C-alpha cells in the first residue's frame, strides 16, 4: 500500500521550528496512547513559567472523502458522545502503530463504509487544534470506490450515506457538515473534483 507519491507537498513541512522560543522545564505523560496527553512546565519567551496540557505532536488520523465510480460522495452519520448527537462526517480514523497514511486510509475506508478505492489523491495535511494539540491530520480523496459490507468497531455507531456530489457540497455550504476536519477535507477536495469533471 505504500506509495511515496501519495504525500502532498506540505506534509513533510509540518515540522517543529529549529529555534524554540519556549523552553520545556519538565514533562509528564498524563494519558498513554492512543489518546496521549502531556503536561509540561514551560519557561515562556518573556520569562513567565506556565503549565501546558496538550496532545503531543505527530500523525494521528486520516480523513477520506470516498467517491464512487458513479460520481457519488460517501459520507457517514456518526454518533459522537461528547456532542450527544449524530453528525455527518467524511470517513476517518486514527492511524495505528506502524501504519503509513495510505495503509491507514485503506483500512478505515473498508471498516467504516466497506469501501475499496481504485485511486488515492492526497490533500493538504493540517493541524486541527494547534492551541491544545500537536496532532497532524492527513486527508485524502479516494476515487473509483466500490462499496461492500462495512466492518465498524464495536464502539462505533455509523450510518453510511451515499449522496450526489452536488448535494454533499450543498450541505457543506449550508453549514450542515459540522465536523471541522470533514469540512476542510471537502473544501480541499473540491478543486481536484472539478479538475476531474466530477463536480
N, C-alpha and C. Protein backbone atom coordinates (compact mmCIF):
# COMPACT_ATOMS: atom_id res chain seq x y z
N UNK A 1 0.81 -1.21 0.00
CA UNK A 1 0.00 0.00 0.00
C UNK A 1 0.85 1.27 0.00
N UNK A 2 2.10 1.18 0.37
CA UNK A 2 2.93 2.37 0.45
C UNK A 2 3.16 2.96 -0.93
N UNK A 3 3.16 4.27 -1.01
CA UNK A 3 3.40 4.96 -2.27
C UNK A 3 4.01 6.31 -1.92
N UNK A 4 5.29 6.52 -2.20
CA UNK A 4 5.93 7.79 -1.81
C UNK A 4 5.29 9.00 -2.46
N UNK A 5 4.59 8.80 -3.59
CA UNK A 5 3.96 9.93 -4.27
C UNK A 5 2.63 10.34 -3.65
N UNK A 6 2.13 9.58 -2.66
CA UNK A 6 0.83 9.88 -2.08
C UNK A 6 0.92 11.11 -1.15
N UNK A 7 2.12 11.50 -0.77
CA UNK A 7 2.27 12.63 0.16
C UNK A 7 2.07 13.95 -0.56
N UNK A 8 1.23 14.79 0.01
CA UNK A 8 1.06 16.14 -0.54
C UNK A 8 2.32 16.95 -0.24
N UNK A 9 2.57 17.96 -1.04
CA UNK A 9 3.81 18.72 -0.88
C UNK A 9 3.96 19.35 0.50
N UNK A 10 2.86 19.61 1.21
CA UNK A 10 3.01 20.27 2.51
C UNK A 10 3.19 19.29 3.66
N UNK A 11 2.99 17.98 3.42
CA UNK A 11 3.02 17.03 4.53
C UNK A 11 4.38 17.01 5.23
N UNK A 12 5.46 17.08 4.47
CA UNK A 12 6.80 17.00 5.07
C UNK A 12 7.25 18.32 5.68
N UNK A 13 6.46 19.38 5.47
CA UNK A 13 6.81 20.68 6.06
C UNK A 13 6.18 20.88 7.44
N UNK A 14 5.39 19.92 7.89
CA UNK A 14 4.72 20.05 9.18
C UNK A 14 5.68 19.57 10.28
N UNK A 15 6.70 20.36 10.50
CA UNK A 15 7.78 20.02 11.44
C UNK A 15 7.97 21.14 12.45
N UNK A 16 8.55 20.83 13.62
CA UNK A 16 8.84 21.88 14.59
C UNK A 16 9.87 22.88 14.04
N UNK A 17 9.78 24.13 14.48
CA UNK A 17 10.79 25.12 14.12
C UNK A 17 12.14 24.71 14.70
N UNK A 18 13.22 25.10 14.02
CA UNK A 18 14.55 24.77 14.53
C UNK A 18 14.86 25.49 15.83
N UNK A 19 14.44 26.74 15.93
CA UNK A 19 14.67 27.53 17.15
C UNK A 19 13.36 27.62 17.93
N UNK A 20 13.41 27.22 19.20
CA UNK A 20 12.21 27.22 20.05
C UNK A 20 12.26 28.37 21.05
N UNK A 21 11.27 29.29 21.01
CA UNK A 21 11.27 30.42 21.95
C UNK A 21 10.84 30.03 23.36
N UNK A 22 10.20 28.89 23.53
CA UNK A 22 9.81 28.41 24.86
C UNK A 22 10.67 27.21 25.22
N UNK A 23 11.04 27.11 26.52
CA UNK A 23 11.89 26.03 27.00
C UNK A 23 11.08 25.08 27.89
N UNK A 24 11.17 23.78 27.60
CA UNK A 24 10.48 22.78 28.43
C UNK A 24 11.34 22.50 29.66
N UNK A 25 10.76 22.75 30.86
CA UNK A 25 11.48 22.53 32.11
C UNK A 25 11.23 21.13 32.66
N UNK A 26 10.00 20.66 32.47
CA UNK A 26 9.62 19.35 32.99
C UNK A 26 8.46 18.83 32.14
N UNK A 27 8.43 17.52 31.93
CA UNK A 27 7.39 16.94 31.09
C UNK A 27 6.87 15.66 31.72
N UNK A 28 5.54 15.50 31.70
CA UNK A 28 4.92 14.32 32.31
C UNK A 28 3.78 13.84 31.41
N UNK A 29 3.73 12.53 31.18
CA UNK A 29 2.62 11.96 30.41
C UNK A 29 1.41 11.81 31.33
N UNK A 30 0.28 12.41 30.94
CA UNK A 30 -0.94 12.34 31.74
C UNK A 30 -1.80 11.16 31.31
N UNK A 31 -1.90 10.95 29.99
CA UNK A 31 -2.64 9.82 29.43
C UNK A 31 -1.75 9.10 28.42
N UNK A 32 -1.81 7.75 28.41
CA UNK A 32 -1.00 6.99 27.45
C UNK A 32 -1.66 6.97 26.07
N UNK A 33 -0.94 6.49 25.04
CA UNK A 33 -1.56 6.31 23.73
C UNK A 33 -2.74 5.34 23.85
N UNK A 34 -3.74 5.40 22.97
CA UNK A 34 -3.74 6.19 21.74
C UNK A 34 -4.21 7.63 21.92
N UNK A 35 -4.70 7.99 23.09
CA UNK A 35 -5.16 9.37 23.32
C UNK A 35 -4.19 10.10 24.23
N UNK A 36 -2.93 10.10 23.84
CA UNK A 36 -1.86 10.67 24.66
C UNK A 36 -2.15 12.12 25.06
N UNK A 37 -1.85 12.41 26.32
CA UNK A 37 -1.90 13.79 26.81
C UNK A 37 -0.63 14.03 27.61
N UNK A 38 -0.08 15.23 27.45
CA UNK A 38 1.18 15.61 28.09
C UNK A 38 0.95 16.83 28.96
N UNK A 39 1.63 16.89 30.11
CA UNK A 39 1.62 18.10 30.95
C UNK A 39 3.06 18.57 31.08
N UNK A 40 3.34 19.77 30.57
CA UNK A 40 4.69 20.33 30.62
C UNK A 40 4.73 21.57 31.48
N UNK A 41 5.84 21.73 32.20
CA UNK A 41 6.15 23.01 32.85
C UNK A 41 7.09 23.72 31.89
N UNK A 42 6.72 24.94 31.51
CA UNK A 42 7.38 25.65 30.40
C UNK A 42 7.84 27.03 30.84
N UNK A 43 9.02 27.43 30.35
CA UNK A 43 9.50 28.80 30.52
C UNK A 43 9.25 29.52 29.21
N UNK A 44 8.32 30.48 29.23
CA UNK A 44 7.93 31.19 28.01
C UNK A 44 8.98 32.22 27.60
N UNK A 45 8.82 32.78 26.42
CA UNK A 45 9.78 33.74 25.85
C UNK A 45 9.99 34.98 26.71
N UNK A 46 8.98 35.34 27.53
CA UNK A 46 9.08 36.54 28.36
C UNK A 46 9.50 36.25 29.80
N UNK A 47 9.93 34.98 30.07
CA UNK A 47 10.40 34.61 31.39
C UNK A 47 9.31 34.08 32.31
N UNK A 48 8.08 34.06 31.84
CA UNK A 48 6.97 33.55 32.64
C UNK A 48 6.98 32.02 32.62
N UNK A 49 6.79 31.43 33.80
CA UNK A 49 6.68 29.98 33.88
C UNK A 49 5.21 29.60 33.86
N UNK A 50 4.86 28.62 33.06
CA UNK A 50 3.46 28.20 32.96
C UNK A 50 3.34 26.72 32.75
N UNK A 51 2.11 26.22 32.93
CA UNK A 51 1.83 24.80 32.70
C UNK A 51 1.04 24.67 31.42
N UNK A 52 1.40 23.68 30.61
CA UNK A 52 0.72 23.46 29.34
C UNK A 52 0.30 21.99 29.26
N UNK A 53 -1.02 21.75 29.12
CA UNK A 53 -1.54 20.41 28.93
C UNK A 53 -1.99 20.29 27.48
N UNK A 54 -1.50 19.27 26.78
CA UNK A 54 -1.74 19.19 25.35
C UNK A 54 -1.54 17.76 24.85
N UNK A 55 -1.96 17.52 23.61
CA UNK A 55 -1.65 16.26 22.94
C UNK A 55 -0.34 16.45 22.18
N UNK A 56 0.62 15.54 22.34
CA UNK A 56 1.92 15.71 21.67
C UNK A 56 1.80 15.65 20.15
N UNK A 57 2.75 16.26 19.48
CA UNK A 57 2.68 16.34 18.02
C UNK A 57 2.96 14.99 17.37
N UNK A 58 2.48 14.88 16.14
CA UNK A 58 2.69 13.66 15.37
C UNK A 58 1.45 13.29 14.58
N UNK A 59 1.60 12.38 13.61
CA UNK A 59 0.45 11.94 12.80
C UNK A 59 -0.51 11.14 13.66
N UNK A 60 -1.78 11.45 13.57
CA UNK A 60 -2.75 10.76 14.41
C UNK A 60 -3.96 10.22 13.66
N UNK A 61 -4.35 10.85 12.54
CA UNK A 61 -5.59 10.41 11.90
C UNK A 61 -5.59 10.70 10.41
N UNK A 62 -6.42 9.92 9.70
CA UNK A 62 -6.64 10.14 8.28
C UNK A 62 -8.11 10.49 8.08
N UNK A 63 -8.37 11.29 7.06
CA UNK A 63 -9.73 11.69 6.69
C UNK A 63 -9.89 11.42 5.20
N UNK A 64 -10.94 10.70 4.83
CA UNK A 64 -11.09 10.25 3.45
C UNK A 64 -12.44 10.69 2.90
N UNK A 65 -12.42 11.34 1.73
CA UNK A 65 -13.66 11.61 1.00
C UNK A 65 -13.76 10.56 -0.10
N UNK A 66 -14.61 9.54 0.07
CA UNK A 66 -14.76 8.50 -0.95
C UNK A 66 -15.74 8.95 -2.04
N UNK A 67 -15.36 8.70 -3.29
CA UNK A 67 -16.21 8.99 -4.44
C UNK A 67 -16.39 7.70 -5.23
N UNK A 68 -17.64 7.30 -5.47
CA UNK A 68 -17.91 6.06 -6.20
C UNK A 68 -17.65 6.27 -7.69
N UNK A 69 -17.63 5.16 -8.42
CA UNK A 69 -17.45 5.22 -9.88
C UNK A 69 -18.59 5.99 -10.53
N UNK A 70 -19.75 6.04 -9.89
CA UNK A 70 -20.90 6.80 -10.41
C UNK A 70 -20.82 8.28 -10.04
N UNK A 71 -19.76 8.68 -9.36
CA UNK A 71 -19.58 10.09 -9.00
C UNK A 71 -20.36 10.53 -7.78
N UNK A 72 -20.63 9.60 -6.87
CA UNK A 72 -21.35 9.93 -5.64
C UNK A 72 -20.37 10.06 -4.47
N UNK A 73 -20.70 10.93 -3.54
CA UNK A 73 -19.92 11.07 -2.32
C UNK A 73 -20.45 10.09 -1.29
N UNK A 74 -19.53 9.49 -0.54
CA UNK A 74 -19.91 8.59 0.54
C UNK A 74 -19.55 9.26 1.86
N UNK A 75 -20.56 9.67 2.60
CA UNK A 75 -20.36 10.26 3.92
C UNK A 75 -20.86 9.28 4.97
N UNK A 76 -20.56 9.58 6.21
CA UNK A 76 -21.11 8.79 7.31
C UNK A 76 -21.85 9.73 8.25
N UNK A 77 -22.83 9.18 8.94
CA UNK A 77 -23.51 9.88 10.02
C UNK A 77 -23.17 9.09 11.26
N UNK A 78 -22.42 9.73 12.17
CA UNK A 78 -21.85 9.02 13.31
C UNK A 78 -22.27 9.66 14.62
N UNK A 79 -22.61 8.81 15.59
CA UNK A 79 -22.95 9.31 16.93
C UNK A 79 -21.67 9.69 17.65
N UNK A 80 -21.65 10.92 18.18
CA UNK A 80 -20.49 11.41 18.93
C UNK A 80 -20.92 11.70 20.37
N UNK A 81 -20.42 10.91 21.29
CA UNK A 81 -20.85 11.01 22.68
C UNK A 81 -20.66 12.40 23.29
N UNK A 82 -19.49 13.07 23.11
CA UNK A 82 -19.35 14.41 23.73
C UNK A 82 -20.42 15.40 23.26
N UNK A 83 -20.94 15.21 22.03
CA UNK A 83 -21.97 16.10 21.50
C UNK A 83 -23.37 15.63 21.88
N UNK A 84 -23.48 14.34 22.26
CA UNK A 84 -24.79 13.70 22.45
C UNK A 84 -25.63 13.86 21.20
N UNK A 85 -24.97 13.70 20.04
CA UNK A 85 -25.65 13.92 18.76
C UNK A 85 -24.94 13.13 17.67
N UNK A 86 -25.67 12.83 16.60
CA UNK A 86 -25.10 12.22 15.40
C UNK A 86 -24.86 13.32 14.37
N UNK A 87 -23.69 13.31 13.74
CA UNK A 87 -23.35 14.34 12.76
C UNK A 87 -22.79 13.70 11.50
N UNK A 88 -22.87 14.45 10.39
CA UNK A 88 -22.30 13.98 9.13
C UNK A 88 -20.80 14.27 9.11
N UNK A 89 -20.05 13.29 8.62
CA UNK A 89 -18.60 13.40 8.54
C UNK A 89 -18.11 12.67 7.30
N UNK A 90 -16.86 12.90 6.93
CA UNK A 90 -16.20 12.04 5.96
C UNK A 90 -15.69 10.82 6.73
N UNK A 91 -15.27 9.81 6.03
CA UNK A 91 -14.68 8.62 6.66
C UNK A 91 -13.38 9.05 7.34
N UNK A 92 -13.14 8.57 8.54
CA UNK A 92 -11.94 8.99 9.26
C UNK A 92 -11.58 7.98 10.34
N UNK A 93 -10.35 8.06 10.80
CA UNK A 93 -9.94 7.21 11.90
C UNK A 93 -8.49 7.40 12.26
N UNK A 94 -8.13 6.92 13.42
CA UNK A 94 -6.77 7.04 13.91
C UNK A 94 -5.81 6.11 13.18
N UNK A 95 -4.57 6.56 13.07
CA UNK A 95 -3.52 5.74 12.49
C UNK A 95 -2.98 4.80 13.56
N UNK A 96 -2.83 3.54 13.19
CA UNK A 96 -2.31 2.56 14.13
C UNK A 96 -0.79 2.52 14.08
N UNK A 97 -0.19 2.01 15.12
CA UNK A 97 1.27 1.92 15.22
C UNK A 97 1.85 1.21 14.01
N UNK A 98 2.82 1.86 13.35
CA UNK A 98 3.50 1.26 12.21
C UNK A 98 2.82 1.44 10.88
N UNK A 99 1.61 2.00 10.85
CA UNK A 99 0.91 2.21 9.58
C UNK A 99 1.40 3.47 8.89
N UNK A 100 1.45 3.44 7.55
CA UNK A 100 1.65 4.69 6.84
C UNK A 100 0.27 5.25 6.50
N UNK A 101 0.26 6.44 5.92
CA UNK A 101 -1.00 7.13 5.68
C UNK A 101 -1.94 6.33 4.79
N UNK A 102 -1.42 5.79 3.71
CA UNK A 102 -2.26 5.08 2.76
C UNK A 102 -2.81 3.77 3.34
N UNK A 103 -2.00 3.05 4.09
CA UNK A 103 -2.47 1.83 4.75
C UNK A 103 -3.60 2.15 5.71
N UNK A 104 -3.42 3.21 6.49
CA UNK A 104 -4.44 3.61 7.45
C UNK A 104 -5.73 4.02 6.74
N UNK A 105 -5.59 4.79 5.65
CA UNK A 105 -6.77 5.26 4.92
C UNK A 105 -7.54 4.09 4.31
N UNK A 106 -6.83 3.13 3.72
CA UNK A 106 -7.49 1.96 3.12
C UNK A 106 -8.21 1.14 4.18
N UNK A 107 -7.59 0.99 5.34
CA UNK A 107 -8.21 0.22 6.43
C UNK A 107 -9.48 0.91 6.91
N UNK A 108 -9.41 2.23 7.13
CA UNK A 108 -10.58 2.96 7.62
C UNK A 108 -11.72 2.97 6.60
N UNK A 109 -11.37 3.09 5.32
CA UNK A 109 -12.39 3.08 4.27
C UNK A 109 -13.14 1.75 4.29
N UNK A 110 -12.43 0.66 4.45
CA UNK A 110 -13.06 -0.66 4.50
C UNK A 110 -13.91 -0.81 5.77
N UNK A 111 -13.34 -0.41 6.91
CA UNK A 111 -14.06 -0.59 8.18
C UNK A 111 -15.35 0.21 8.22
N UNK A 112 -15.29 1.49 7.86
CA UNK A 112 -16.43 2.37 8.10
C UNK A 112 -17.52 2.29 7.04
N UNK A 113 -17.15 2.06 5.77
CA UNK A 113 -18.18 2.01 4.72
C UNK A 113 -18.05 0.78 3.82
N UNK A 114 -17.15 -0.14 4.13
CA UNK A 114 -16.96 -1.32 3.30
C UNK A 114 -16.40 -0.97 1.94
N UNK A 115 -15.57 0.08 1.88
CA UNK A 115 -15.09 0.59 0.60
C UNK A 115 -13.68 0.18 0.23
N UNK A 116 -13.44 0.13 -1.08
CA UNK A 116 -12.09 -0.05 -1.64
C UNK A 116 -11.95 0.95 -2.78
N UNK A 117 -10.80 1.64 -2.84
CA UNK A 117 -10.60 2.70 -3.83
C UNK A 117 -9.70 2.25 -4.97
N UNK A 118 -10.00 2.75 -6.17
CA UNK A 118 -9.15 2.49 -7.34
C UNK A 118 -7.97 3.45 -7.35
N UNK A 119 -8.18 4.68 -6.83
CA UNK A 119 -7.14 5.71 -6.89
C UNK A 119 -7.20 6.58 -5.65
N UNK A 120 -6.02 6.97 -5.18
CA UNK A 120 -5.92 7.85 -4.00
C UNK A 120 -5.23 9.14 -4.40
N UNK A 121 -5.78 10.27 -3.96
CA UNK A 121 -5.16 11.58 -4.21
C UNK A 121 -4.97 12.29 -2.87
N UNK A 122 -3.76 12.74 -2.57
CA UNK A 122 -3.51 13.42 -1.30
C UNK A 122 -4.07 14.84 -1.31
N UNK A 123 -4.51 15.28 -0.15
CA UNK A 123 -4.95 16.66 0.07
C UNK A 123 -4.05 17.27 1.13
N UNK A 124 -4.00 18.60 1.25
CA UNK A 124 -3.10 19.21 2.22
C UNK A 124 -3.37 18.76 3.66
N UNK A 125 -2.34 18.35 4.35
CA UNK A 125 -2.45 17.97 5.76
C UNK A 125 -2.58 19.23 6.61
N UNK A 126 -3.06 19.05 7.85
CA UNK A 126 -3.30 20.24 8.69
C UNK A 126 -3.25 19.90 10.17
N UNK A 127 -3.08 20.93 10.98
CA UNK A 127 -3.17 20.83 12.44
C UNK A 127 -4.61 21.16 12.83
N UNK A 128 -5.36 20.24 13.44
CA UNK A 128 -6.77 20.51 13.71
C UNK A 128 -7.03 21.48 14.85
N UNK A 129 -6.18 21.53 15.87
CA UNK A 129 -6.45 22.40 17.02
C UNK A 129 -5.12 22.77 17.69
N UNK A 130 -4.31 23.60 17.01
CA UNK A 130 -2.93 23.81 17.45
C UNK A 130 -2.76 24.49 18.80
N UNK A 131 -3.82 25.08 19.37
CA UNK A 131 -3.67 25.70 20.69
C UNK A 131 -3.55 24.66 21.80
N UNK A 132 -4.08 23.46 21.59
CA UNK A 132 -4.02 22.43 22.63
C UNK A 132 -3.52 21.08 22.10
N UNK A 133 -3.10 21.04 20.83
CA UNK A 133 -2.75 19.75 20.25
C UNK A 133 -1.69 19.90 19.17
N UNK A 134 -0.73 18.97 19.16
CA UNK A 134 0.27 18.91 18.10
C UNK A 134 -0.08 17.87 17.05
N UNK A 135 -1.30 17.36 17.11
CA UNK A 135 -1.74 16.30 16.21
C UNK A 135 -1.77 16.80 14.77
N UNK A 136 -1.41 15.90 13.84
CA UNK A 136 -1.48 16.18 12.40
C UNK A 136 -2.52 15.26 11.77
N UNK A 137 -3.41 15.84 10.97
CA UNK A 137 -4.42 15.07 10.25
C UNK A 137 -4.05 15.03 8.77
N UNK A 138 -4.25 13.86 8.16
CA UNK A 138 -3.91 13.65 6.75
C UNK A 138 -5.17 13.31 5.95
N UNK A 139 -5.68 14.25 5.14
CA UNK A 139 -6.86 13.96 4.32
C UNK A 139 -6.50 13.44 2.94
N UNK A 140 -7.38 12.61 2.40
CA UNK A 140 -7.20 12.06 1.06
C UNK A 140 -8.53 11.99 0.33
N UNK A 141 -8.44 12.03 -0.99
CA UNK A 141 -9.59 11.82 -1.86
C UNK A 141 -9.46 10.41 -2.43
N UNK A 142 -10.50 9.59 -2.25
CA UNK A 142 -10.50 8.22 -2.76
C UNK A 142 -11.46 8.14 -3.93
N UNK A 143 -10.95 7.78 -5.11
CA UNK A 143 -11.78 7.74 -6.32
C UNK A 143 -12.04 6.31 -6.78
N UNK A 144 -13.14 6.14 -7.52
CA UNK A 144 -13.49 4.82 -8.03
C UNK A 144 -13.80 3.84 -6.92
N UNK A 145 -14.46 4.32 -5.87
CA UNK A 145 -14.71 3.50 -4.70
C UNK A 145 -15.87 2.53 -4.95
N UNK A 146 -15.62 1.26 -4.64
CA UNK A 146 -16.68 0.25 -4.64
C UNK A 146 -17.05 -0.01 -3.19
N UNK A 147 -18.34 -0.26 -2.95
CA UNK A 147 -18.84 -0.41 -1.59
C UNK A 147 -19.28 -1.84 -1.32
N UNK A 148 -18.90 -2.33 -0.17
CA UNK A 148 -19.33 -3.65 0.29
C UNK A 148 -19.88 -3.52 1.69
N UNK A 149 -19.67 -4.55 2.48
CA UNK A 149 -20.18 -4.55 3.85
C UNK A 149 -19.19 -3.87 4.79
N UNK A 150 -19.69 -2.89 5.54
CA UNK A 150 -18.85 -2.17 6.50
C UNK A 150 -18.47 -3.09 7.66
N UNK A 151 -17.35 -2.75 8.31
CA UNK A 151 -16.85 -3.53 9.44
C UNK A 151 -16.48 -2.60 10.59
N UNK A 152 -17.46 -1.83 11.10
CA UNK A 152 -17.13 -0.84 12.14
C UNK A 152 -16.67 -1.50 13.44
N UNK A 153 -15.94 -0.72 14.23
CA UNK A 153 -15.54 -1.19 15.55
C UNK A 153 -16.79 -1.29 16.42
N UNK A 154 -16.72 -2.09 17.48
CA UNK A 154 -17.88 -2.29 18.35
C UNK A 154 -18.40 -0.99 18.95
N UNK A 155 -17.49 -0.05 19.20
CA UNK A 155 -17.89 1.21 19.84
C UNK A 155 -18.44 2.24 18.86
N UNK A 156 -18.39 1.95 17.55
CA UNK A 156 -18.82 2.94 16.55
C UNK A 156 -20.28 2.72 16.16
N UNK A 157 -21.03 3.81 16.12
CA UNK A 157 -22.42 3.81 15.66
C UNK A 157 -22.46 4.67 14.40
N UNK A 158 -22.38 3.99 13.23
CA UNK A 158 -22.17 4.67 11.95
C UNK A 158 -23.26 4.27 10.96
N UNK A 159 -23.77 5.28 10.26
CA UNK A 159 -24.72 5.05 9.16
C UNK A 159 -24.08 5.58 7.87
N UNK A 160 -23.93 4.70 6.88
CA UNK A 160 -23.36 5.11 5.59
C UNK A 160 -24.40 5.88 4.79
N UNK A 161 -23.96 7.01 4.19
CA UNK A 161 -24.85 7.86 3.41
C UNK A 161 -24.20 8.14 2.06
N UNK A 162 -24.85 7.72 0.98
CA UNK A 162 -24.33 7.94 -0.38
C UNK A 162 -25.16 9.06 -1.02
N UNK A 163 -24.46 10.12 -1.44
CA UNK A 163 -25.12 11.32 -1.96
C UNK A 163 -24.55 11.73 -3.30
N UNK A 164 -25.36 12.35 -4.16
CA UNK A 164 -24.78 13.01 -5.34
C UNK A 164 -23.78 14.07 -4.86
N UNK A 165 -22.68 14.22 -5.56
CA UNK A 165 -21.65 15.19 -5.14
C UNK A 165 -22.21 16.59 -4.93
N UNK A 166 -23.05 17.12 -5.85
CA UNK A 166 -23.59 18.46 -5.61
C UNK A 166 -24.36 18.58 -4.29
N UNK A 167 -25.04 17.50 -3.88
CA UNK A 167 -25.77 17.53 -2.62
C UNK A 167 -24.80 17.56 -1.43
N UNK A 168 -23.70 16.82 -1.53
CA UNK A 168 -22.71 16.86 -0.45
C UNK A 168 -22.16 18.28 -0.29
N UNK A 169 -21.88 18.94 -1.42
CA UNK A 169 -21.34 20.30 -1.34
C UNK A 169 -22.41 21.33 -0.97
N UNK A 170 -23.66 21.05 -1.30
CA UNK A 170 -24.75 21.93 -0.82
C UNK A 170 -24.79 21.89 0.70
N UNK A 171 -24.66 20.68 1.26
CA UNK A 171 -24.66 20.54 2.72
C UNK A 171 -23.48 21.26 3.36
N UNK A 172 -22.32 21.16 2.71
CA UNK A 172 -21.15 21.88 3.21
C UNK A 172 -21.40 23.38 3.24
N UNK A 173 -21.89 23.92 2.13
CA UNK A 173 -22.10 25.36 2.01
C UNK A 173 -23.24 25.85 2.90
N UNK A 174 -24.19 24.97 3.20
CA UNK A 174 -25.32 25.34 4.06
C UNK A 174 -24.97 25.22 5.55
N UNK A 175 -23.73 24.80 5.84
CA UNK A 175 -23.33 24.65 7.24
C UNK A 175 -23.90 23.41 7.90
N UNK A 176 -24.22 22.39 7.10
CA UNK A 176 -24.79 21.16 7.64
C UNK A 176 -23.72 20.11 7.94
N UNK A 177 -22.49 20.34 7.51
CA UNK A 177 -21.36 19.47 7.87
C UNK A 177 -20.66 20.17 9.03
N UNK A 178 -20.90 19.68 10.23
CA UNK A 178 -20.46 20.39 11.44
C UNK A 178 -19.10 19.96 11.95
N UNK A 179 -18.56 18.90 11.40
CA UNK A 179 -17.23 18.42 11.80
C UNK A 179 -16.17 19.21 11.05
N UNK A 180 -15.29 19.89 11.77
CA UNK A 180 -14.28 20.75 11.15
C UNK A 180 -13.36 20.04 10.18
N UNK A 181 -12.70 18.93 10.58
CA UNK A 181 -11.82 18.24 9.63
C UNK A 181 -12.55 17.74 8.38
N UNK A 182 -13.81 17.31 8.54
CA UNK A 182 -14.58 16.87 7.37
C UNK A 182 -14.83 18.04 6.43
N UNK A 183 -15.16 19.20 6.99
CA UNK A 183 -15.39 20.39 6.17
C UNK A 183 -14.14 20.78 5.40
N UNK A 184 -12.99 20.73 6.08
CA UNK A 184 -11.74 21.10 5.42
C UNK A 184 -11.35 20.08 4.35
N UNK A 185 -11.62 18.82 4.60
CA UNK A 185 -11.35 17.78 3.59
C UNK A 185 -12.20 18.03 2.34
N UNK A 186 -13.49 18.31 2.52
CA UNK A 186 -14.38 18.62 1.40
C UNK A 186 -13.90 19.88 0.67
N UNK A 187 -13.49 20.89 1.42
CA UNK A 187 -13.01 22.13 0.82
C UNK A 187 -11.81 21.88 -0.09
N UNK A 188 -10.81 21.16 0.42
CA UNK A 188 -9.60 20.91 -0.36
C UNK A 188 -9.83 19.95 -1.53
N UNK A 189 -10.83 19.09 -1.41
CA UNK A 189 -11.11 18.12 -2.48
C UNK A 189 -11.82 18.77 -3.67
N UNK A 190 -12.48 19.90 -3.45
CA UNK A 190 -13.32 20.49 -4.50
C UNK A 190 -12.55 20.75 -5.80
N UNK A 191 -11.37 21.33 -5.70
CA UNK A 191 -10.61 21.67 -6.93
C UNK A 191 -10.26 20.41 -7.73
N UNK A 192 -9.84 19.35 -7.04
CA UNK A 192 -9.50 18.12 -7.74
C UNK A 192 -10.73 17.48 -8.38
N UNK A 193 -11.86 17.56 -7.70
CA UNK A 193 -13.10 17.01 -8.26
C UNK A 193 -13.54 17.78 -9.49
N UNK A 194 -13.36 19.10 -9.44
CA UNK A 194 -13.70 19.93 -10.60
C UNK A 194 -12.76 19.63 -11.76
N UNK A 195 -11.47 19.49 -11.46
CA UNK A 195 -10.48 19.18 -12.50
C UNK A 195 -10.79 17.85 -13.18
N UNK A 196 -11.28 16.89 -12.41
CA UNK A 196 -11.62 15.57 -12.96
C UNK A 196 -12.99 15.55 -13.65
N UNK A 197 -13.70 16.68 -13.60
CA UNK A 197 -15.03 16.75 -14.21
C UNK A 197 -16.11 16.03 -13.42
N UNK A 198 -15.85 15.83 -12.13
CA UNK A 198 -16.82 15.14 -11.28
C UNK A 198 -17.76 16.10 -10.56
N UNK A 199 -17.42 17.37 -10.56
CA UNK A 199 -18.24 18.37 -9.85
C UNK A 199 -18.37 19.62 -10.71
